[in-house]
N, C-alpha and C. Protein backbone atom coordinates (compact mmCIF):
# COMPACT_ATOMS: atom_id res chain seq x y z
N PHE A 1 0.84 -1.20 0.00
CA PHE A 1 0.00 0.00 0.00
C PHE A 1 0.88 1.25 0.00
N ALA A 2 1.98 1.19 0.71
CA ALA A 2 2.86 2.35 0.81
C ALA A 2 3.39 2.75 -0.57
N SER A 3 3.72 1.76 -1.39
CA SER A 3 4.25 2.06 -2.72
C SER A 3 3.19 2.72 -3.59
N VAL A 4 1.94 2.30 -3.41
CA VAL A 4 0.84 2.89 -4.18
C VAL A 4 0.65 4.34 -3.77
N TYR A 5 0.72 4.59 -2.47
CA TYR A 5 0.57 5.96 -1.97
C TYR A 5 1.71 6.83 -2.48
N ARG A 6 2.89 6.29 -2.51
CA ARG A 6 4.06 7.02 -3.01
C ARG A 6 3.87 7.37 -4.48
N SER A 7 3.35 6.42 -5.24
CA SER A 7 3.12 6.67 -6.66
C SER A 7 2.09 7.77 -6.84
N PHE A 8 1.07 7.78 -6.00
CA PHE A 8 0.03 8.80 -6.07
C PHE A 8 0.62 10.17 -5.80
N GLU A 9 1.53 10.24 -4.83
CA GLU A 9 2.19 11.52 -4.50
C GLU A 9 3.03 11.98 -5.70
N ASP A 10 3.72 11.06 -6.34
CA ASP A 10 4.55 11.42 -7.50
C ASP A 10 3.67 11.92 -8.64
N ILE A 11 2.54 11.25 -8.86
CA ILE A 11 1.63 11.66 -9.92
C ILE A 11 1.06 13.04 -9.63
N LYS A 12 0.76 13.30 -8.36
CA LYS A 12 0.20 14.60 -7.99
C LYS A 12 1.21 15.71 -8.25
N GLU A 13 2.47 15.46 -7.88
CA GLU A 13 3.51 16.46 -8.12
C GLU A 13 3.73 16.66 -9.61
N PHE A 14 3.68 15.58 -10.38
CA PHE A 14 3.85 15.65 -11.82
C PHE A 14 2.73 16.48 -12.44
N GLY A 15 1.50 16.28 -11.96
CA GLY A 15 0.35 17.04 -12.45
C GLY A 15 0.51 18.52 -12.16
N GLU A 16 1.05 18.83 -11.00
CA GLU A 16 1.26 20.24 -10.64
C GLU A 16 2.31 20.87 -11.55
N GLU A 17 3.33 20.10 -11.90
CA GLU A 17 4.37 20.60 -12.80
C GLU A 17 3.77 20.89 -14.18
N ILE A 18 2.93 19.98 -14.67
CA ILE A 18 2.28 20.17 -15.97
C ILE A 18 1.39 21.41 -15.93
N ALA A 19 0.64 21.58 -14.86
CA ALA A 19 -0.25 22.74 -14.73
C ALA A 19 0.58 24.02 -14.75
N ARG A 20 1.75 23.98 -14.14
CA ARG A 20 2.60 25.17 -14.09
C ARG A 20 3.13 25.50 -15.48
N LEU A 21 3.45 24.46 -16.26
CA LEU A 21 3.96 24.69 -17.60
C LEU A 21 2.86 25.20 -18.53
N GLN A 22 1.64 24.77 -18.31
CA GLN A 22 0.53 25.18 -19.17
C GLN A 22 0.02 26.58 -18.82
N ASP A 23 0.42 27.10 -17.67
CA ASP A 23 -0.06 28.41 -17.25
C ASP A 23 0.44 29.50 -18.21
């Protein structure tokens, strides 16, 4: 479960990076 949560955190950070680039 911990690895899944870690992956979710990475995806969330990646999404924020994409949003910043699209701004």
